[in-house]
Protein backbone atom coordinates (compact mmCIF):
# COMPACT_ATOMS: atom_id res chain seq x y z
CA UNK A 1 29.90 -5.30 -13.13
CA UNK A 2 31.22 -6.69 -16.55
CA UNK A 3 33.03 -4.41 -18.82
CA UNK A 4 31.85 -3.71 -22.56
CA UNK A 5 32.30 -6.55 -25.16
CA UNK A 6 31.77 -9.20 -22.06
CA UNK A 7 28.23 -11.52 -21.72
CA UNK A 8 25.90 -9.46 -19.60
CA UNK A 9 22.28 -10.66 -18.70
CA UNK A 10 20.55 -8.22 -16.37
CA UNK A 11 18.04 -5.75 -18.79
CA UNK A 12 16.68 -2.48 -17.16
CA UNK A 13 13.79 -0.14 -18.65
CA UNK A 14 14.51 3.44 -18.01
CA UNK A 15 11.39 4.94 -17.18
CA UNK A 16 10.77 8.43 -18.28
CA UNK A 17 7.44 8.75 -17.30
CA UNK A 18 8.63 8.23 -13.29
CA UNK A 19 9.78 11.75 -13.62
CA UNK A 20 6.29 13.41 -13.32
CA UNK A 21 4.45 13.83 -10.09
CA UNK A 22 2.01 11.45 -8.80
CA UNK A 23 -1.33 12.07 -7.40
CA UNK A 24 -0.62 15.30 -7.80
CA UNK A 25 2.40 15.59 -5.29
CA UNK A 26 5.22 17.81 -6.07
CA UNK A 27 8.79 16.63 -7.74
CA UNK A 28 10.75 18.88 -5.09
CA UNK A 29 11.96 16.74 -2.24
CA UNK A 30 12.44 18.33 1.16
CA UNK A 31 15.98 17.27 2.28
CA UNK A 32 15.28 17.40 5.84
CA UNK A 33 12.35 14.85 4.98
CA UNK A 34 11.12 11.10 4.50
CA UNK A 35 8.28 11.13 1.80
CA UNK A 36 7.15 14.09 3.62
CA UNK A 37 7.87 13.06 7.47
CA UNK A 38 10.42 14.83 9.74
CA UNK A 39 13.65 12.94 10.06
CA UNK A 40 13.77 10.89 13.46
CA UNK A 41 15.61 8.80 15.54
CA UNK A 42 15.28 6.66 18.78
CA UNK A 43 13.67 3.33 19.58
CA UNK A 44 11.80 1.30 17.38
CA UNK A 45 9.69 -1.59 18.14
CA UNK A 46 6.81 -1.85 20.95
CA UNK A 47 5.63 1.08 22.73
CA UNK A 48 5.74 0.85 26.89
CA UNK A 49 2.21 0.17 27.94
CA UNK A 50 0.93 -1.22 24.37
CA UNK A 51 -2.35 -2.46 24.91
CA UNK A 52 -2.32 -6.27 25.00
CA UNK A 53 -2.63 -8.12 21.58
CA UNK A 54 -6.02 -10.53 22.41
CA UNK A 55 -4.86 -12.82 19.98
CA UNK A 56 -3.05 -16.13 20.55
CA UNK A 57 -0.53 -18.28 18.45
CA UNK A 58 -1.26 -22.29 17.96
CA UNK A 59 2.13 -23.86 19.15
CA UNK A 60 3.55 -21.07 20.74
CA UNK A 61 6.10 -21.45 23.59
CA UNK A 62 4.94 -18.21 25.26
CA UNK A 63 8.30 -16.54 24.78
CA UNK A 64 9.27 -13.25 24.07
CA UNK A 65 9.51 -13.68 20.15
CA UNK A 66 6.07 -14.85 19.88
CA UNK A 67 4.53 -12.10 21.84
CA UNK A 68 6.44 -9.96 19.52
CA UNK A 69 5.18 -11.17 16.70
CA UNK A 70 1.45 -11.60 17.80
CA UNK A 71 1.48 -7.94 19.00
CA UNK A 72 2.59 -7.18 15.17
CA UNK A 73 -0.25 -9.62 13.71
CA UNK A 74 -2.72 -7.79 16.25
CA UNK A 75 -1.23 -3.81 15.21
CA UNK A 76 -1.08 -4.70 11.11
CA UNK A 77 -4.76 -6.18 11.72
CA UNK A 78 -5.64 -2.82 13.42
CA UNK A 79 -4.57 -0.86 10.47
CA UNK A 80 -6.53 -3.20 8.22
CA UNK A 81 -9.41 -2.92 9.76
CA UNK A 82 -9.77 0.85 9.26
CA UNK A 83 -7.32 1.44 5.64
CA UNK A 84 -9.51 -1.62 3.94
CA UNK A 85 -13.53 -0.49 4.30
CA UNK A 86 -12.22 3.28 3.79
CA UNK A 87 -9.63 2.38 0.31
CA UNK A 88 -11.56 -0.29 -1.47
CA UNK A 89 -14.90 -0.25 0.55
CA UNK A 90 -14.50 -3.75 2.23
CA UNK A 91 -14.06 -5.21 5.27
CA UNK A 92 -11.42 -6.68 6.46
CA UNK A 93 -11.70 -10.10 8.38
CA UNK A 94 -9.18 -11.25 10.27
CA UNK A 95 -6.49 -14.30 9.69
CA UNK A 96 -8.09 -17.14 11.03
CA UNK A 97 -5.22 -18.93 12.29
CA UNK A 98 -1.79 -17.46 13.85
CA UNK A 99 0.67 -20.52 14.16
CA UNK A 100 4.20 -20.43 15.80
CA UNK A 101 6.69 -23.45 14.78
CA UNK A 102 10.84 -23.94 15.74
CA UNK A 103 12.14 -25.33 12.67
CA UNK A 104 14.70 -27.08 14.43
CA UNK A 105 12.11 -29.30 16.00
CA UNK A 106 10.66 -32.44 14.08
CA UNK A 107 6.96 -33.87 13.38
CA UNK A 108 5.35 -30.28 12.49
CA UNK A 109 3.32 -29.35 9.71
CA UNK A 110 1.25 -26.33 8.40
CA UNK A 111 -1.03 -25.89 5.55
CA UNK A 112 0.30 -29.66 4.66
CA UNK A 113 4.10 -28.37 4.49
CA UNK A 114 6.30 -30.10 7.18
CA UNK A 115 7.77 -27.15 9.26
CA UNK A 116 11.31 -28.98 10.39
CA UNK A 117 13.81 -26.93 8.47
CA UNK A 118 11.61 -24.47 6.95
CA UNK A 119 13.14 -21.28 8.43
CA UNK A 120 10.14 -18.80 7.12
CA UNK A 121 6.87 -17.17 7.50
CA UNK A 122 4.50 -17.41 5.11
CA UNK A 123 0.57 -16.92 5.01
CA UNK A 124 -1.71 -19.94 3.54
CA UNK A 125 -4.66 -18.73 1.68
CA UNK A 126 -6.61 -21.98 2.13
CA UNK A 127 -10.15 -21.46 3.97
CA UNK A 128 -9.89 -21.07 7.17
CA UNK A 129 -6.83 -18.98 6.19
CA UNK A 130 -3.40 -18.93 8.24
CA UNK A 131 -0.04 -16.93 8.97
CA UNK A 132 2.90 -18.95 10.12
CA UNK A 133 6.28 -18.12 11.41
CA UNK A 134 9.42 -19.54 12.84
CA UNK A 135 10.22 -19.00 16.18
CA UNK A 136 13.15 -20.73 16.37
CA UNK A 137 15.78 -19.25 13.78
CA UNK A 138 14.22 -16.74 11.66
CA UNK A 139 12.09 -14.06 13.52
CA UNK A 140 15.41 -14.04 16.19
CA UNK A 141 17.89 -13.84 13.89
CA UNK A 142 16.39 -11.11 12.15
CA UNK A 143 15.59 -9.67 15.74
CA UNK A 144 18.79 -9.60 16.31
CA UNK A 145 19.86 -7.94 13.27
CA UNK A 146 18.20 -5.60 12.86
CA UNK A 147 15.87 -5.12 15.85
CA UNK A 148 11.74 -5.47 16.38
CA UNK A 149 11.07 -3.67 12.98
CA UNK A 150 12.49 -6.66 11.05
CA UNK A 151 9.67 -8.72 12.79
CA UNK A 152 7.08 -5.97 11.95
CA UNK A 153 8.01 -6.19 8.89
CA UNK A 154 7.77 -9.97 7.86
CA UNK A 155 4.72 -10.08 9.46
CA UNK A 156 3.67 -6.98 8.02
CA UNK A 157 4.68 -8.59 4.78
CA UNK A 158 2.74 -11.90 5.08
CA UNK A 159 -0.43 -10.06 6.54
CA UNK A 160 -0.22 -8.11 3.18
CA UNK A 161 -0.76 -11.38 1.00
CA UNK A 162 -4.18 -11.69 3.22
CA UNK A 163 -5.32 -8.82 2.12
CA UNK A 164 -4.67 -9.21 -1.71
CA UNK A 165 -6.63 -12.62 -0.65
CA UNK A 166 -9.65 -10.13 0.39
CA UNK A 167 -9.43 -8.24 -2.34
CA UNK A 168 -9.55 -11.38 -4.94
CA UNK A 169 -5.98 -11.66 -6.33
CA UNK A 170 -6.08 -15.27 -7.26
CA UNK A 171 -3.72 -18.00 -7.59
CA UNK A 172 -2.88 -17.34 -11.13
CA UNK A 173 -1.18 -13.95 -10.36
CA UNK A 174 2.52 -13.91 -10.69
CA UNK A 175 4.67 -14.70 -7.50
CA UNK A 176 6.71 -11.51 -8.48
CA UNK A 177 3.20 -9.37 -8.38
CA UNK A 178 2.18 -10.89 -4.90
CA UNK A 179 5.44 -9.95 -3.50
CA UNK A 180 5.94 -6.96 -4.67
CA UNK A 181 2.35 -6.28 -3.83
CA UNK A 182 2.83 -7.51 -0.07
CA UNK A 183 6.05 -5.42 0.13
CA UNK A 184 3.98 -2.11 -0.56
CA UNK A 185 1.54 -2.72 1.34
CA UNK A 186 3.92 -3.19 4.55
CA UNK A 187 5.20 0.07 3.30
CA UNK A 188 1.84 1.48 3.98
CA UNK A 189 1.65 0.35 7.15
CA UNK A 190 5.14 1.53 8.32
CA UNK A 191 3.75 4.99 7.34
CA UNK A 192 0.62 4.28 9.28
CA UNK A 193 3.16 3.73 12.31
CA UNK A 194 5.75 6.13 11.30
CA UNK A 195 2.71 8.72 11.90
CA UNK A 196 2.13 8.19 15.63
CA UNK A 197 -1.06 6.51 14.57
CA UNK A 198 -0.16 2.49 15.84
CA UNK A 199 -0.97 2.34 19.74
CA UNK A 200 1.35 -0.74 20.06
CA UNK A 201 4.42 0.20 17.88
CA UNK A 202 6.53 3.51 16.88
CA UNK A 203 8.85 3.47 14.37
CA UNK A 204 11.38 6.15 13.33
CA UNK A 205 11.98 7.57 9.73
CA UNK A 206 15.66 7.52 10.17
CA UNK A 207 16.86 4.01 12.08
CA UNK A 208 13.59 2.28 12.33
CA UNK A 209 13.29 2.19 8.51
CA UNK A 210 16.58 1.32 7.70
CA UNK A 211 16.04 -1.63 9.87
CA UNK A 212 12.95 -2.62 7.83
CA UNK A 213 15.07 -1.70 4.42
CA UNK A 214 17.68 -3.97 5.42
CA UNK A 215 15.59 -7.03 6.41
CA UNK A 216 13.91 -6.80 2.74
CA UNK A 217 17.42 -6.59 1.53
CA UNK A 218 18.30 -9.49 3.64
CA UNK A 219 15.89 -11.61 2.54
CA UNK A 220 16.07 -10.78 -1.63
CA UNK A 221 16.24 -13.23 -4.39
CA UNK A 222 19.58 -14.41 -4.90
CA UNK A 223 21.39 -12.47 -8.22
CA UNK A 224 20.50 -15.56 -10.27
CA UNK A 225 16.85 -15.25 -10.02
CA UNK A 226 15.02 -13.59 -12.49
CA UNK A 227 11.50 -11.76 -12.17
CA UNK A 228 9.73 -14.36 -14.23
CA UNK A 229 11.39 -17.01 -12.37
CA UNK A 230 8.20 -19.14 -10.55
CA UNK A 231 8.63 -18.20 -6.78
CA UNK A 232 10.64 -15.13 -7.42
CA UNK A 233 9.78 -12.31 -5.33
CA UNK A 234 12.29 -9.61 -6.25
CA UNK A 235 16.15 -8.48 -5.85
CA UNK A 236 16.40 -5.44 -3.02
CA UNK A 237 16.12 -2.47 -5.27
CA UNK A 238 12.58 -3.45 -6.42
CA UNK A 239 11.69 -4.72 -3.43
CA UNK A 240 12.43 -1.72 -1.47
CA UNK A 241 11.26 0.03 -4.24
CA UNK A 242 8.00 -1.09 -3.58
CA UNK A 243 8.11 -0.41 -0.06
CA UNK A 244 8.66 3.07 -0.83
CA UNK A 245 5.88 2.51 -2.92
CA UNK A 246 3.99 2.05 -0.19
CA UNK A 247 5.10 4.31 2.36
CA UNK A 248 5.05 7.54 0.15
CA UNK A 249 1.71 6.95 -1.95
CA UNK A 250 -0.49 4.70 0.39
CA UNK A 251 -2.20 1.10 -0.52
CA UNK A 252 -4.31 2.21 -3.22
CA UNK A 253 -0.60 2.45 -5.19
CA UNK A 254 0.04 -1.02 -4.22
CA UNK A 255 -3.07 -2.17 -5.75
CA UNK A 256 -2.02 -0.86 -8.99
CA UNK A 257 0.99 -3.12 -9.08
CA UNK A 258 0.26 -5.50 -11.41
CA UNK A 259 2.33 -7.76 -14.39
CA UNK A 260 2.63 -5.21 -16.76
CA UNK A 261 4.02 -2.27 -13.84
CA UNK A 262 6.61 -5.21 -12.35
CA UNK A 263 7.56 -6.02 -15.82
CA UNK A 264 7.94 -1.71 -16.67
CA UNK A 265 10.62 -1.25 -13.98
CA UNK A 266 11.87 -4.55 -13.24
CA UNK A 267 15.85 -4.46 -12.70
CA UNK A 268 15.40 -8.35 -12.21
CA UNK A 269 14.86 -8.94 -15.87
CA UNK A 270 16.52 -11.00 -18.31
CA UNK A 271 18.38 -14.31 -18.34
CA UNK A 272 20.24 -13.48 -14.77
CA UNK A 273 21.78 -16.75 -14.34
CA UNK A 274 24.72 -16.04 -17.17
CA UNK A 275 25.14 -13.00 -15.61
CA UNK A 276 25.24 -13.60 -11.81
CA UNK A 277 29.00 -15.08 -11.91
CA UNK A 278 30.40 -12.36 -13.70
CA UNK A 279 33.86 -11.79 -11.87
CA UNK A 280 34.26 -8.95 -9.95
CA UNK A 281 36.18 -5.98 -11.27
CA UNK A 282 38.60 -4.22 -8.64
CA UNK A 283 38.86 -0.33 -9.15
CA UNK A 284 43.20 -0.75 -8.66
CA UNK A 285 43.09 -2.31 -12.24
CA UNK A 286 43.93 0.89 -14.53
CA UNK A 287 41.64 -0.36 -17.23
CA UNK A 288 38.86 -0.52 -14.95
CA UNK A 289 39.18 3.03 -14.14
CA UNK A 290 39.68 4.14 -17.56
CA UNK A 291 36.31 2.21 -18.53
CA UNK A 292 34.51 4.00 -15.14
CA UNK A 293 35.46 7.21 -16.49
CA UNK A 294 34.56 6.80 -20.02
CA UNK A 295 31.08 5.65 -18.66
CA UNK A 296 31.04 8.58 -16.38
CA UNK A 297 31.96 11.06 -19.25
CA UNK A 298 29.71 9.26 -21.80
CA UNK A 299 26.50 9.76 -18.86
CA UNK A 300 27.55 13.60 -18.23
CA UNK A 301 28.47 14.12 -22.38
CA UNK A 302 26.91 17.82 -21.65
CA UNK A 303 29.65 18.36 -19.11
CA UNK A 304 32.51 20.90 -20.12
CA UNK A 305 35.57 20.07 -18.39
CA UNK A 306 35.09 16.38 -16.69
CA UNK A 307 37.00 15.32 -13.40
CA UNK A 308 40.51 13.31 -13.55
CA UNK A 309 40.49 10.49 -11.39
CA UNK A 310 43.68 10.12 -9.70
CA UNK A 311 45.68 8.24 -7.23
CA UNK A 312 48.58 10.36 -6.50
CA UNK A 313 48.23 13.72 -4.35
CA UNK A 314 45.40 16.47 -4.86
CA UNK A 315 45.34 20.16 -3.73
CA UNK A 316 42.35 18.84 -0.78
CA UNK A 317 43.39 17.65 2.30
CA UNK A 318 43.30 13.71 2.87
CA UNK A 319 40.50 12.31 4.76
CA UNK A 320 40.74 8.79 4.68
CA UNK A 321 37.67 8.69 2.15
CA UNK A 322 37.17 5.66 -0.46
CA UNK A 323 36.95 9.13 -2.68
CA UNK A 324 37.07 12.38 -2.74
CA UNK A 325 36.33 15.69 -5.18
CA UNK A 326 38.79 18.39 -4.94
CA UNK A 327 37.04 21.28 -6.64
CA UNK A 328 39.97 23.66 -6.73
CA UNK A 329 41.81 21.47 -9.37
CA UNK A 330 38.71 19.28 -10.97
CA UNK A 331 39.94 15.85 -9.62
CA UNK A 332 38.65 12.71 -7.85
CA UNK A 333 41.17 11.65 -5.28
CA UNK A 334 41.27 7.83 -4.97
CA UNK A 335 42.17 5.63 -2.03
CA UNK A 336 42.42 2.51 -4.21
CA UNK A 337 43.26 0.20 -0.57
CA UNK A 338 39.46 1.01 0.58
CA UNK A 339 38.04 1.08 -3.02
CA UNK A 340 39.30 -2.53 -3.29
CA UNK A 341 37.89 -3.67 0.43
CA UNK A 342 34.68 -1.92 -0.74
CA UNK A 343 34.41 -3.50 -3.63
CA UNK A 344 35.27 -7.41 -2.44
CA UNK A 345 32.26 -8.90 -1.75
CA UNK A 346 31.65 -10.49 1.35
CA UNK A 347 32.24 -14.53 1.35
CA UNK A 348 30.88 -17.19 3.93
CA UNK A 349 32.51 -17.29 7.13
CA UNK A 350 35.06 -14.20 6.14
CA UNK A 351 34.79 -10.45 6.29
CA UNK A 352 34.28 -8.52 2.82
CA UNK A 353 32.64 -5.50 1.73
CA UNK A 354 30.21 -5.29 -0.66
CA UNK A 355 30.32 -5.75 -4.19
CA UNK A 356 32.34 -3.93 -6.80
CA UNK A 357 29.35 -2.07 -8.10
CA UNK A 358 29.20 -0.38 -4.65
CA UNK A 359 32.77 0.82 -4.78
CA UNK A 360 32.44 2.34 -8.62
CA UNK A 361 29.28 3.98 -7.50
CA UNK A 362 30.93 5.82 -4.99
CA UNK A 363 33.16 6.95 -7.60
CA UNK A 364 30.81 8.12 -9.42
CA UNK A 365 28.98 10.15 -6.87
CA UNK A 366 32.21 11.98 -6.37
CA UNK A 367 32.11 12.51 -9.96
CA UNK A 368 28.80 14.06 -10.18
CA UNK A 369 30.18 17.10 -7.46
CA UNK A 370 32.00 17.97 -10.41
CA UNK A 371 28.88 18.00 -12.39
CA UNK A 372 27.05 20.26 -9.92
CA UNK A 373 29.78 22.22 -9.49
CA UNK A 374 29.71 23.16 -13.20
CA UNK A 375 26.04 23.94 -12.79
CA UNK A 376 26.50 26.12 -9.99
CA UNK A 377 25.21 23.97 -7.14
CA UNK A 378 26.29 24.05 -3.56
CA UNK A 379 27.97 20.82 -2.89
CA UNK A 380 27.56 20.91 0.48
CA UNK A 381 24.46 20.17 2.62
CA UNK A 382 21.38 17.51 2.46
CA UNK A 383 19.91 18.91 -0.97
CA UNK A 384 23.82 18.64 -2.42
CA UNK A 385 23.55 14.77 -0.63
CA UNK A 386 20.08 14.25 -2.61
CA UNK A 387 21.19 15.44 -6.10
CA UNK A 388 24.55 13.63 -5.36
CA UNK A 389 22.28 9.97 -4.86
CA UNK A 390 20.11 11.19 -8.13
CA UNK A 391 22.61 11.94 -10.38
CA UNK A 392 24.62 8.47 -9.85
CA UNK A 393 21.30 6.89 -9.97
CA UNK A 394 21.03 8.33 -13.19
CA UNK A 395 24.62 7.30 -14.48
CA UNK A 396 23.77 3.71 -12.90
CA UNK A 397 20.86 3.60 -15.41
CA UNK A 398 22.84 4.34 -18.34
CA UNK A 399 24.76 0.99 -17.55
CA UNK A 400 21.87 -0.98 -19.01
CA UNK A 401 21.16 -3.57 -21.36
CA UNK A 402 21.24 -2.26 -24.87
CA UNK A 403 23.50 0.55 -24.21
CA UNK A 404 27.09 0.77 -25.71
CA UNK A 405 28.93 1.78 -22.25
CA UNK A 406 32.33 0.92 -21.12
CA UNK A 407 30.81 -1.16 -18.19
CA UNK A 408 27.68 -2.71 -17.93
CA UNK A 409 25.20 -3.84 -14.83
CA UNK A 410 25.40 -7.31 -14.06
CA UNK A 411 22.32 -9.42 -11.52
CA UNK A 412 23.02 -7.88 -7.67
CA UNK A 413 24.69 -4.59 -8.74
CA UNK A 414 21.90 -2.29 -7.95
CA UNK A 415 21.70 -4.24 -4.37
CA UNK A 416 25.22 -3.58 -3.81
CA UNK A 417 24.31 0.04 -4.16
CA UNK A 418 21.06 -0.38 -1.61
CA UNK A 419 23.31 -2.13 0.93
CA UNK A 420 25.89 1.03 -0.10
CA UNK A 421 23.32 3.56 0.55
CA UNK A 422 21.59 1.75 3.67
CA UNK A 423 25.02 1.69 5.62
CA UNK A 424 26.16 4.45 8.23
CA UNK A 425 28.96 5.78 5.98
CA UNK A 426 27.51 5.43 2.67
CA UNK A 427 28.64 7.87 0.30
CA UNK A 428 26.55 7.37 -2.56
CA UNK A 429 24.41 9.91 -1.19
CA UNK A 430 26.25 12.22 0.71
CA UNK A 431 27.71 16.04 -0.21
CA UNK A 432 31.55 16.75 -0.96
CA UNK A 433 32.22 16.86 2.90
CA UNK A 434 31.03 13.43 2.77
CA UNK A 435 28.22 14.05 5.03
CA UNK A 436 25.36 11.53 4.29
CA UNK A 437 21.89 11.97 4.00
CA UNK A 438 20.56 10.99 7.44
CA UNK A 439 17.60 8.80 6.27
CA UNK A 440 18.42 5.66 4.35
CA UNK A 441 14.59 5.79 2.86
CA UNK A 442 15.59 9.39 1.40
CA UNK A 443 18.90 7.94 0.11
CA UNK A 444 17.49 5.13 -1.93
CA UNK A 445 14.25 7.05 -3.06
CA UNK A 446 16.98 9.68 -4.73
CA UNK A 447 18.79 7.33 -6.27
CA UNK A 448 15.54 5.68 -7.37
CA UNK A 449 14.40 9.57 -9.00
CA UNK A 450 17.45 9.16 -10.78
CA UNK A 451 18.04 5.80 -12.14
CA UNK A 452 14.38 6.60 -13.45
CA UNK A 453 14.96 10.12 -14.99
CA UNK A 454 15.02 10.41 -18.48
CA UNK A 455 17.87 13.40 -18.69
CA UNK A 456 20.02 14.71 -15.29
CA UNK A 457 18.17 17.79 -15.66
CA UNK A 458 15.56 15.87 -13.32
CA UNK A 459 17.92 15.79 -10.26
CA UNK A 460 18.43 19.36 -10.29
CA UNK A 461 14.74 20.14 -10.66
CA UNK A 462 13.91 17.18 -8.11
CA UNK A 463 16.39 18.42 -5.35
CA UNK A 464 17.12 22.07 -6.47
């Protein structure tokens, strides 16, 4: 996260038009729901007594991972067998071949590509077409990290490419468009499962969707990649956004994703390679604190009494939180050691936090509580947590290229925010007590609403 005057690379476009209703839906978002569905918890993955998949994969070892993968493919194809005719007036033809391979074994090839060392899952649109996956490393690692929903996410994404192929999306279409469409189609499938329509799988809108979104976070583009790069898939913020489009509005919305739409909303624009190496900014630096305060005062210039950042005692009880808003004194107490820990990005083989923007955004979220207090809003409860995430997203959007602010967004900054919001103890989407919205999906959605808003008042109207 560079300060003003330092070379930066990320160019983000504000979308004033995103604050309008989509397909006639109301702007107001129920804080106890995820895109209209109740927040649920419990197991996600295969249902007990699920019907047989009825499919086989070439090269399978007959193990647990391949059984899960084949069941996921069968379920996604079950969804598209009904949805493609209903939405696009076209029959769905199943993928011709399914191939399982072990990337640790030599000698294999799929679609002319050597599979040794190929830790991947992919769709090959040749005639006949193929979906292939690495059962040796990729899928077991994802399942171990995030659960069965991760495998569902990967295979639903690849079958999203099969849907594109059947709808006539050609090779000339930029990779980023095809990838974001596939993420969107993945979200549409997960909505179908979350509504209880799948005979084979179940997904909760709490931890289950968190697993899916965390999978997209893990397989995001690195910070130096821009959406114009050949082979770009999208950063975490853009990939999660595409998934949410599909989950909220269905596959017809996904088909509307094209080059112009991606260009308009991409947060992966510009010569990111130059900004990816910006040094990490620590919040125990006085100038960094001053720059953060200046950026917040500029973003919320209509606030009559801006809160002060302090590292000393406040009138509020110490909680151990990285930052706390003290409403009685209009102060934000900073726990600098904890903020420095959060702001220190992890390094290979060593524990760490999330990155500097995550720490800055946590402080910004507490600042927005002062803004809300002045406006007469309650500072406790799910609606306050939503409003906080939304206003923090609005502040983040003011740090984009072309604005004269004390801080500027760097490549990867918004991905740090996504990681923070998918964590159990998120502060970006928490109320004054530090209680976060229960669903990571809802946290990111509220932040994204603010990021796209032309003015902070949108957050009050969306989350009254």
